[in-house]
């Protein structure tokens, strides 16, 4: 499947201990794992045969922090890296060749890590659909300035036919794909906060049909519940830390 420029196209977890981390997410969310076409050290989490997310030991091989990273598709990773640097952000890794594509990992002007990907995507993956993440949210210092940055880097205004747009919603900015809201940008993040939950970052939300059961499994498997379930518009949300330190959220009924 060809990627559509500008859209969130994948999420990936860098970890120190891939096997233990896979066991944790398998217990909590029922994921299975298989080798990736990107090369040794890369794996793909699946659920009912559908791709969900990527796993890699980049925290060891590339000396990256343990974290979930959101990737956006681009037509040219090299040009995207230039736009990132031109707008006061930092490219940390790449662009490098991975499998049949090219990737770069960067941090936006407020310090939130993200990635760009040039190449084909796993068939059947779509943000907000199936077992892919239900929602993405950027915690940042200035949501409106961040929206301008990502809009310029990902050329949303240049590619209106691809259906990517953003709009102000109260004190947040929402990203829409073909009119459907799939991600939010909200203020309140601190660039150098000692608490990882307060730092500028992209949060990844996975669906849990049995939220209480998933939380119990997470604690039993060595994870930590950071915030208990809270009522939101479309259900209940809880934030967690996996045993290796990766932060993520669960969205349940």
C-alpha atoms as a PDB file:
ATOM      1  CA  UNK A   1       0.000   0.000   0.000  1.00  0.00           C
ATOM      2  CA  UNK A   2       1.418   3.371  -0.981  1.00  0.00           C
ATOM      3  CA  UNK A   3       1.698   5.962   1.777  1.00  0.00           C
ATOM      4  CA  UNK A   4      -0.329   9.171   1.650  1.00  0.00           C
ATOM      5  CA  UNK A   5       1.880  12.205   2.350  1.00  0.00           C
ATOM      6  CA  UNK A   6       1.240  14.025   5.589  1.00  0.00           C
ATOM      7  CA  UNK A   7      -0.807  11.443   7.495  1.00  0.00           C
ATOM      8  CA  UNK A   8       0.223   9.595  10.667  1.00  0.00           C
ATOM      9  CA  UNK A   9       1.266   6.278   9.176  1.00  0.00           C
ATOM     10  CA  UNK A  10       2.767   4.120  11.956  1.00  0.00           C
ATOM     11  CA  UNK A  11       3.727   3.969  15.618  1.00  0.00           C
ATOM     12  CA  UNK A  12       6.804   2.211  16.931  1.00  0.00           C
ATOM     13  CA  UNK A  13       8.230   1.425  20.356  1.00  0.00           C
ATOM     14  CA  UNK A  14      11.963   1.580  21.021  1.00  0.00           C
ATOM     15  CA  UNK A  15      12.870  -0.712  23.883  1.00  0.00           C
ATOM     16  CA  UNK A  16      15.880  -2.184  25.663  1.00  0.00           C
ATOM     17  CA  UNK A  17      14.448  -5.686  26.092  1.00  0.00           C
ATOM     18  CA  UNK A  18      12.249  -6.569  23.149  1.00  0.00           C
ATOM     19  CA  UNK A  19      11.311 -10.047  24.328  1.00  0.00           C
ATOM     20  CA  UNK A  20      10.150  -8.929  27.774  1.00  0.00           C
ATOM     21  CA  UNK A  21       8.308  -5.960  26.264  1.00  0.00           C
ATOM     22  CA  UNK A  22       6.541  -8.185  23.764  1.00  0.00           C
ATOM     23  CA  UNK A  23       5.427 -10.470  26.593  1.00  0.00           C
ATOM     24  CA  UNK A  24       3.986  -7.458  28.440  1.00  0.00           C
ATOM     25  CA  UNK A  25       1.962  -6.084  25.520  1.00  0.00           C
ATOM     26  CA  UNK A  26       0.871  -9.580  24.547  1.00  0.00           C
ATOM     27  CA  UNK A  27      -0.564 -10.061  28.029  1.00  0.00           C
ATOM     28  CA  UNK A  28      -2.217  -6.625  28.182  1.00  0.00           C
ATOM     29  CA  UNK A  29      -3.581  -6.247  24.640  1.00  0.00           C
ATOM     30  CA  UNK A  30      -3.467  -9.739  23.192  1.00  0.00           C
ATOM     31  CA  UNK A  31      -0.884  -8.886  20.548  1.00  0.00           C
ATOM     32  CA  UNK A  32       1.187 -11.417  18.620  1.00  0.00           C
ATOM     33  CA  UNK A  33       4.549 -10.613  17.050  1.00  0.00           C
ATOM     34  CA  UNK A  34       6.360 -11.406  13.821  1.00  0.00           C
ATOM     35  CA  UNK A  35       9.556 -10.358  12.085  1.00  0.00           C
ATOM     36  CA  UNK A  36       9.491  -7.130  10.084  1.00  0.00           C
ATOM     37  CA  UNK A  37      10.735  -6.524   6.563  1.00  0.00           C
ATOM     38  CA  UNK A  38      12.747  -3.567   7.923  1.00  0.00           C
ATOM     39  CA  UNK A  39      15.556  -5.866   9.006  1.00  0.00           C
ATOM     40  CA  UNK A  40      17.028  -7.622  12.049  1.00  0.00           C
ATOM     41  CA  UNK A  41      15.874  -6.241  15.378  1.00  0.00           C
ATOM     42  CA  UNK A  42      12.535  -4.999  14.032  1.00  0.00           C
ATOM     43  CA  UNK A  43       9.227  -6.673  14.804  1.00  0.00           C
ATOM     44  CA  UNK A  44       5.564  -6.050  14.039  1.00  0.00           C
ATOM     45  CA  UNK A  45       2.790  -6.436  16.600  1.00  0.00           C
ATOM     46  CA  UNK A  46      -0.418  -7.899  15.175  1.00  0.00           C
ATOM     47  CA  UNK A  47      -3.923  -8.614  16.438  1.00  0.00           C
ATOM     48  CA  UNK A  48      -6.206 -10.992  14.566  1.00  0.00           C
ATOM     49  CA  UNK A  49      -3.799 -10.821  11.651  1.00  0.00           C
ATOM     50  CA  UNK A  50      -3.870  -7.018  11.435  1.00  0.00           C
ATOM     51  CA  UNK A  51      -0.712  -4.909  11.922  1.00  0.00           C
ATOM     52  CA  UNK A  52      -0.824  -2.753  15.043  1.00  0.00           C
ATOM     53  CA  UNK A  53       2.620  -1.284  15.791  1.00  0.00           C
ATOM     54  CA  UNK A  54       6.355  -1.724  15.391  1.00  0.00           C
ATOM     55  CA  UNK A  55       8.887  -2.807  18.003  1.00  0.00           C
ATOM     56  CA  UNK A  56      12.659  -2.401  17.878  1.00  0.00           C
ATOM     57  CA  UNK A  57      15.637  -2.352  20.204  1.00  0.00           C
ATOM     58  CA  UNK A  58      16.690   1.142  19.123  1.00  0.00           C
ATOM     59  CA  UNK A  59      17.171   2.068  22.774  1.00  0.00           C
ATOM     60  CA  UNK A  60      20.250  -0.167  22.594  1.00  0.00           C
ATOM     61  CA  UNK A  61      21.470  -0.025  18.983  1.00  0.00           C
ATOM     62  CA  UNK A  62      20.808   3.705  18.438  1.00  0.00           C
ATOM     63  CA  UNK A  63      20.992   4.753  22.101  1.00  0.00           C
ATOM     64  CA  UNK A  64      17.479   6.196  21.965  1.00  0.00           C
ATOM     65  CA  UNK A  65      15.152   6.605  24.948  1.00  0.00           C
ATOM     66  CA  UNK A  66      12.496   3.972  25.579  1.00  0.00           C
ATOM     67  CA  UNK A  67       9.397   5.532  24.033  1.00  0.00           C
ATOM     68  CA  UNK A  68       6.531   5.290  21.598  1.00  0.00           C
ATOM     69  CA  UNK A  69       7.146   7.303  18.425  1.00  0.00           C
ATOM     70  CA  UNK A  70       4.557   8.494  15.915  1.00  0.00           C
ATOM     71  CA  UNK A  71       5.643   8.429  12.253  1.00  0.00           C
ATOM     72  CA  UNK A  72       4.207  10.582   9.467  1.00  0.00           C
ATOM     73  CA  UNK A  73       4.394   9.613   5.814  1.00  0.00           C
ATOM     74  CA  UNK A  74       6.316  11.884   3.439  1.00  0.00           C
ATOM     75  CA  UNK A  75       7.136  11.792  -0.245  1.00  0.00           C
ATOM     76  CA  UNK A  76      10.837  12.518   0.324  1.00  0.00           C
ATOM     77  CA  UNK A  77      12.446  11.865   3.725  1.00  0.00           C
ATOM     78  CA  UNK A  78      15.507  13.929   2.819  1.00  0.00           C
ATOM     79  CA  UNK A  79      13.454  16.971   1.927  1.00  0.00           C
ATOM     80  CA  UNK A  80      11.319  16.521   5.049  1.00  0.00           C
ATOM     81  CA  UNK A  81      14.491  16.469   7.157  1.00  0.00           C
ATOM     82  CA  UNK A  82      15.564  19.748   5.552  1.00  0.00           C
ATOM     83  CA  UNK A  83      12.203  21.343   6.373  1.00  0.00           C
ATOM     84  CA  UNK A  84      12.500  20.120   9.976  1.00  0.00           C
ATOM     85  CA  UNK A  85      15.926  21.739  10.390  1.00  0.00           C
ATOM     86  CA  UNK A  86      14.844  24.928   8.631  1.00  0.00           C
ATOM     87  CA  UNK A  87      12.039  25.405  11.149  1.00  0.00           C
ATOM     88  CA  UNK A  88      14.135  25.209  14.281  1.00  0.00           C
ATOM     89  CA  UNK A  89      13.692  21.517  15.046  1.00  0.00           C
ATOM     90  CA  UNK A  90      16.289  18.731  15.222  1.00  0.00           C
ATOM     91  CA  UNK A  91      16.844  15.591  13.169  1.00  0.00           C
ATOM     92  CA  UNK A  92      18.377  13.002  15.491  1.00  0.00           C
ATOM     93  CA  UNK A  93      18.656   9.978  13.187  1.00  0.00           C
ATOM     94  CA  UNK A  94      18.651   9.720   9.414  1.00  0.00           C
ATOM     95  CA  UNK A  95      17.301   9.777   6.893  1.00  0.00           C
ATOM     96  CA  UNK A  96      18.432   6.161   6.736  1.00  0.00           C
ATOM     97  CA  UNK A  97      17.462   3.242   4.543  1.00  0.00           C
ATOM     98  CA  UNK A  98      15.184   0.721   6.289  1.00  0.00           C
ATOM     99  CA  UNK A  99      13.974  -2.166   4.169  1.00  0.00           C
ATOM    100  CA  UNK A 100      12.395  -0.677   1.042  1.00  0.00           C
ATOM    101  CA  UNK A 101      11.899   2.756   2.577  1.00  0.00           C
ATOM    102  CA  UNK A 102      13.683   5.650   4.261  1.00  0.00           C
ATOM    103  CA  UNK A 103      13.116   7.035   7.752  1.00  0.00           C
ATOM    104  CA  UNK A 104      14.243   9.881   9.964  1.00  0.00           C
ATOM    105  CA  UNK A 105      13.666  10.515  13.655  1.00  0.00           C
ATOM    106  CA  UNK A 106      13.428  14.070  14.910  1.00  0.00           C
ATOM    107  CA  UNK A 107      12.271  16.338  17.720  1.00  0.00           C
ATOM    108  CA  UNK A 108       9.945  19.268  17.071  1.00  0.00           C
ATOM    109  CA  UNK A 109      10.863  22.802  18.268  1.00  0.00           C
ATOM    110  CA  UNK A 110       9.420  22.053  21.719  1.00  0.00           C
ATOM    111  CA  UNK A 111      11.255  18.743  22.131  1.00  0.00           C
ATOM    112  CA  UNK A 112       8.559  16.204  21.238  1.00  0.00           C
ATOM    113  CA  UNK A 113      10.048  13.246  19.313  1.00  0.00           C
ATOM    114  CA  UNK A 114       8.450  12.101  16.050  1.00  0.00           C
ATOM    115  CA  UNK A 115       9.449  10.353  12.855  1.00  0.00           C
ATOM    116  CA  UNK A 116       8.940  10.585   9.104  1.00  0.00           C
ATOM    117  CA  UNK A 117       8.680   7.657   6.734  1.00  0.00           C
ATOM    118  CA  UNK A 118       9.071   7.443   2.970  1.00  0.00           C
ATOM    119  CA  UNK A 119       7.798   4.174   1.536  1.00  0.00           C
ATOM    120  CA  UNK A 120       5.004   1.610   1.570  1.00  0.00           C
ATOM    121  CA  UNK A 121       2.947   0.903   4.676  1.00  0.00           C
ATOM    122  CA  UNK A 122       1.652  -2.320   6.225  1.00  0.00           C
ATOM    123  CA  UNK A 123      -1.521  -3.284   4.426  1.00  0.00           C
ATOM    124  CA  UNK A 124      -4.641  -2.757   6.513  1.00  0.00           C
ATOM    125  CA  UNK A 125      -3.200  -0.234   8.978  1.00  0.00           C
ATOM    126  CA  UNK A 126      -5.176   2.946   9.497  1.00  0.00           C
ATOM    127  CA  UNK A 127      -5.235   5.320  12.446  1.00  0.00           C
ATOM    128  CA  UNK A 128      -8.524   5.010  14.314  1.00  0.00           C
ATOM    129  CA  UNK A 129      -9.526   1.826  12.479  1.00  0.00           C
ATOM    130  CA  UNK A 130      -9.284  -1.820  13.430  1.00  0.00           C
ATOM    131  CA  UNK A 131      -6.581  -2.553  15.982  1.00  0.00           C
ATOM    132  CA  UNK A 132      -4.385   0.415  15.040  1.00  0.00           C
ATOM    133  CA  UNK A 133      -4.135   3.208  17.645  1.00  0.00           C
ATOM    134  CA  UNK A 134      -7.488   4.824  18.300  1.00  0.00           C
ATOM    135  CA  UNK A 135      -6.100   8.303  18.912  1.00  0.00           C
ATOM    136  CA  UNK A 136      -2.883  10.324  18.998  1.00  0.00           C
ATOM    137  CA  UNK A 137      -2.308  13.417  21.094  1.00  0.00           C
ATOM    138  CA  UNK A 138       0.587  15.833  21.190  1.00  0.00           C
ATOM    139  CA  UNK A 139       1.303  17.334  24.604  1.00  0.00           C
ATOM    140  CA  UNK A 140       3.175  20.526  23.785  1.00  0.00           C
ATOM    141  CA  UNK A 141       3.852  24.019  25.083  1.00  0.00           C
ATOM    142  CA  UNK A 142       1.928  25.833  22.356  1.00  0.00           C
ATOM    143  CA  UNK A 143      -0.623  23.786  20.425  1.00  0.00           C
ATOM    144  CA  UNK A 144      -1.189  26.412  17.731  1.00  0.00           C
ATOM    145  CA  UNK A 145       2.509  26.988  17.032  1.00  0.00           C
ATOM    146  CA  UNK A 146       3.020  23.219  16.939  1.00  0.00           C
ATOM    147  CA  UNK A 147       0.204  22.861  14.397  1.00  0.00           C
ATOM    148  CA  UNK A 148       1.901  25.409  12.163  1.00  0.00           C
ATOM    149  CA  UNK A 149       5.210  23.546  12.451  1.00  0.00           C
ATOM    150  CA  UNK A 150       3.775  20.145  11.545  1.00  0.00           C
ATOM    151  CA  UNK A 151       1.613  21.687   8.828  1.00  0.00           C
ATOM    152  CA  UNK A 152       4.674  23.217   7.174  1.00  0.00           C
ATOM    153  CA  UNK A 153       6.921  20.179   7.596  1.00  0.00           C
ATOM    154  CA  UNK A 154       4.267  17.753   6.347  1.00  0.00           C
ATOM    155  CA  UNK A 155       2.951  20.164   3.694  1.00  0.00           C
ATOM    156  CA  UNK A 156      -0.688  19.830   4.695  1.00  0.00           C
ATOM    157  CA  UNK A 157      -1.619  23.038   2.872  1.00  0.00           C
ATOM    158  CA  UNK A 158       0.210  21.836  -0.243  1.00  0.00           C
ATOM    159  CA  UNK A 159      -1.649  18.511  -0.333  1.00  0.00           C
ATOM    160  CA  UNK A 160      -5.345  19.325   0.231  1.00  0.00           C
ATOM    161  CA  UNK A 161      -6.363  16.518  -2.101  1.00  0.00           C
ATOM    162  CA  UNK A 162      -4.929  14.034   0.398  1.00  0.00           C
ATOM    163  CA  UNK A 163      -7.590  15.056   2.886  1.00  0.00           C
ATOM    164  CA  UNK A 164      -5.311  16.214   5.717  1.00  0.00           C
ATOM    165  CA  UNK A 165      -6.315  19.370   7.566  1.00  0.00           C
ATOM    166  CA  UNK A 166      -6.378  20.871  11.037  1.00  0.00           C
ATOM    167  CA  UNK A 167      -8.743  23.120  12.943  1.00  0.00           C
ATOM    168  CA  UNK A 168      -8.972  24.887  16.299  1.00  0.00           C
ATOM    169  CA  UNK A 169     -11.190  23.211  18.905  1.00  0.00           C
ATOM    170  CA  UNK A 170     -11.478  25.341  22.061  1.00  0.00           C
ATOM    171  CA  UNK A 171      -7.945  25.281  23.523  1.00  0.00           C
ATOM    172  CA  UNK A 172      -6.747  22.434  21.285  1.00  0.00           C
ATOM    173  CA  UNK A 173      -5.947  21.857  17.634  1.00  0.00           C
ATOM    174  CA  UNK A 174      -7.377  18.765  15.956  1.00  0.00           C
ATOM    175  CA  UNK A 175      -5.907  16.941  12.944  1.00  0.00           C
ATOM    176  CA  UNK A 176      -8.477  15.593  10.496  1.00  0.00           C
ATOM    177  CA  UNK A 177      -8.114  13.034   7.726  1.00  0.00           C
ATOM    178  CA  UNK A 178     -10.951  13.141   5.202  1.00  0.00           C
ATOM    179  CA  UNK A 179     -13.024  15.023   7.752  1.00  0.00           C
ATOM    180  CA  UNK A 180     -12.479  12.514  10.591  1.00  0.00           C
ATOM    181  CA  UNK A 181     -10.631  13.715  13.703  1.00  0.00           C
ATOM    182  CA  UNK A 182      -7.734  11.354  14.434  1.00  0.00           C
ATOM    183  CA  UNK A 183      -5.322  13.358  16.605  1.00  0.00           C
ATOM    184  CA  UNK A 184      -5.183  16.338  18.923  1.00  0.00           C
ATOM    185  CA  UNK A 185      -2.576  18.883  19.958  1.00  0.00           C
ATOM    186  CA  UNK A 186      -2.947  20.441  23.402  1.00  0.00           C
ATOM    187  CA  UNK A 187      -0.868  22.827  25.475  1.00  0.00           C
ATOM    188  CA  UNK A 188       0.622  22.238  28.899  1.00  0.00           C
ATOM    189  CA  UNK A 189       3.762  20.301  28.052  1.00  0.00           C
ATOM    190  CA  UNK A 190       7.116  21.292  29.564  1.00  0.00           C
ATOM    191  CA  UNK A 191      10.257  20.776  27.516  1.00  0.00           C
ATOM    192  CA  UNK A 192      12.641  19.817  30.339  1.00  0.00           C
ATOM    193  CA  UNK A 193      10.231  18.505  32.985  1.00  0.00           C
ATOM    194  CA  UNK A 194      11.696  15.820  35.276  1.00  0.00           C
ATOM    195  CA  UNK A 195       8.366  13.970  35.103  1.00  0.00           C
ATOM    196  CA  UNK A 196       8.035  12.132  31.740  1.00  0.00           C
ATOM    197  CA  UNK A 197       4.265  12.619  31.883  1.00  0.00           C
ATOM    198  CA  UNK A 198       4.705  16.399  31.842  1.00  0.00           C
ATOM    199  CA  UNK A 199       7.247  16.518  29.024  1.00  0.00           C
ATOM    200  CA  UNK A 200       6.336  17.485  25.491  1.00  0.00           C
ATOM    201  CA  UNK A 201       5.568  14.237  23.696  1.00  0.00           C
ATOM    202  CA  UNK A 202       3.187  12.366  21.417  1.00  0.00           C
ATOM    203  CA  UNK A 203       0.814  10.123  23.359  1.00  0.00           C
ATOM    204  CA  UNK A 204      -0.451   6.913  21.744  1.00  0.00           C
ATOM    205  CA  UNK A 205      -3.898   5.554  22.707  1.00  0.00           C
ATOM    206  CA  UNK A 206      -4.753   1.884  22.124  1.00  0.00           C
ATOM    207  CA  UNK A 207      -8.250   0.443  22.426  1.00  0.00           C
ATOM    208  CA  UNK A 208      -9.034  -1.986  25.231  1.00  0.00           C
ATOM    209  CA  UNK A 209     -12.489  -3.540  25.050  1.00  0.00           C
ATOM    210  CA  UNK A 210     -12.041  -4.750  28.642  1.00  0.00           C
ATOM    211  CA  UNK A 211     -10.232  -1.807  30.235  1.00  0.00           C
ATOM    212  CA  UNK A 212     -10.321  -3.139  33.799  1.00  0.00           C
ATOM    213  CA  UNK A 213      -8.981  -6.498  32.635  1.00  0.00           C
ATOM    214  CA  UNK A 214      -6.199  -4.841  30.643  1.00  0.00           C
ATOM    215  CA  UNK A 215      -5.151  -2.720  33.632  1.00  0.00           C
ATOM    216  CA  UNK A 216      -5.104  -5.756  35.917  1.00  0.00           C
ATOM    217  CA  UNK A 217      -2.982  -7.645  33.359  1.00  0.00           C
ATOM    218  CA  UNK A 218      -0.604  -4.684  33.083  1.00  0.00           C
ATOM    219  CA  UNK A 219       0.041  -4.594  36.824  1.00  0.00           C
ATOM    220  CA  UNK A 220       0.466  -8.354  36.967  1.00  0.00           C
ATOM    221  CA  UNK A 221       2.983  -8.200  34.095  1.00  0.00           C
ATOM    222  CA  UNK A 222       5.109  -5.551  35.818  1.00  0.00           C
ATOM    223  CA  UNK A 223       3.616  -2.354  34.410  1.00  0.00           C
ATOM    224  CA  UNK A 224       2.412   0.674  36.340  1.00  0.00           C
ATOM    225  CA  UNK A 225      -0.917   2.506  36.162  1.00  0.00           C
ATOM    226  CA  UNK A 226      -0.049   6.216  36.206  1.00  0.00           C
ATOM    227  CA  UNK A 227      -3.590   7.604  36.053  1.00  0.00           C
ATOM    228  CA  UNK A 228      -6.698   5.482  36.712  1.00  0.00           C
ATOM    229  CA  UNK A 229      -9.528   5.471  34.173  1.00  0.00           C
ATOM    230  CA  UNK A 230     -11.051   8.899  33.600  1.00  0.00           C
ATOM    231  CA  UNK A 231     -14.236   9.668  31.705  1.00  0.00           C
ATOM    232  CA  UNK A 232     -13.730  11.311  28.284  1.00  0.00           C
ATOM    233  CA  UNK A 233     -16.037  11.979  25.352  1.00  0.00           C
ATOM    234  CA  UNK A 234     -15.732   8.499  23.824  1.00  0.00           C
ATOM    235  CA  UNK A 235     -15.201   6.330  26.905  1.00  0.00           C
ATOM    236  CA  UNK A 236     -12.564   6.058  29.617  1.00  0.00           C
ATOM    237  CA  UNK A 237      -8.819   6.693  29.385  1.00  0.00           C
ATOM    238  CA  UNK A 238      -5.983   5.429  31.592  1.00  0.00           C
ATOM    239  CA  UNK A 239      -2.262   6.114  31.234  1.00  0.00           C
ATOM    240  CA  UNK A 240       0.374   3.473  31.921  1.00  0.00           C
ATOM    241  CA  UNK A 241       4.098   2.802  31.969  1.00  0.00           C
ATOM    242  CA  UNK A 242       5.370  -0.534  30.676  1.00  0.00           C
ATOM    243  CA  UNK A 243       8.125  -2.389  32.596  1.00  0.00           C
ATOM    244  CA  UNK A 244      10.823  -0.877  30.356  1.00  0.00           C
ATOM    245  CA  UNK A 245       9.572   2.693  30.895  1.00  0.00           C
ATOM    246  CA  UNK A 246       7.465   3.272  27.768  1.00  0.00           C
ATOM    247  CA  UNK A 247       4.439   5.532  28.323  1.00  0.00           C
ATOM    248  CA  UNK A 248       1.132   4.791  26.592  1.00  0.00           C
ATOM    249  CA  UNK A 249      -2.616   5.146  27.098  1.00  0.00           C
ATOM    250  CA  UNK A 250      -5.584   2.796  26.927  1.00  0.00           C
ATOM    251  CA  UNK A 251      -9.010   3.860  25.701  1.00  0.00           C
ATOM    252  CA  UNK A 252     -11.925   1.717  26.838  1.00  0.00           C
ATOM    253  CA  UNK A 253     -15.708   1.858  26.972  1.00  0.00           C
END
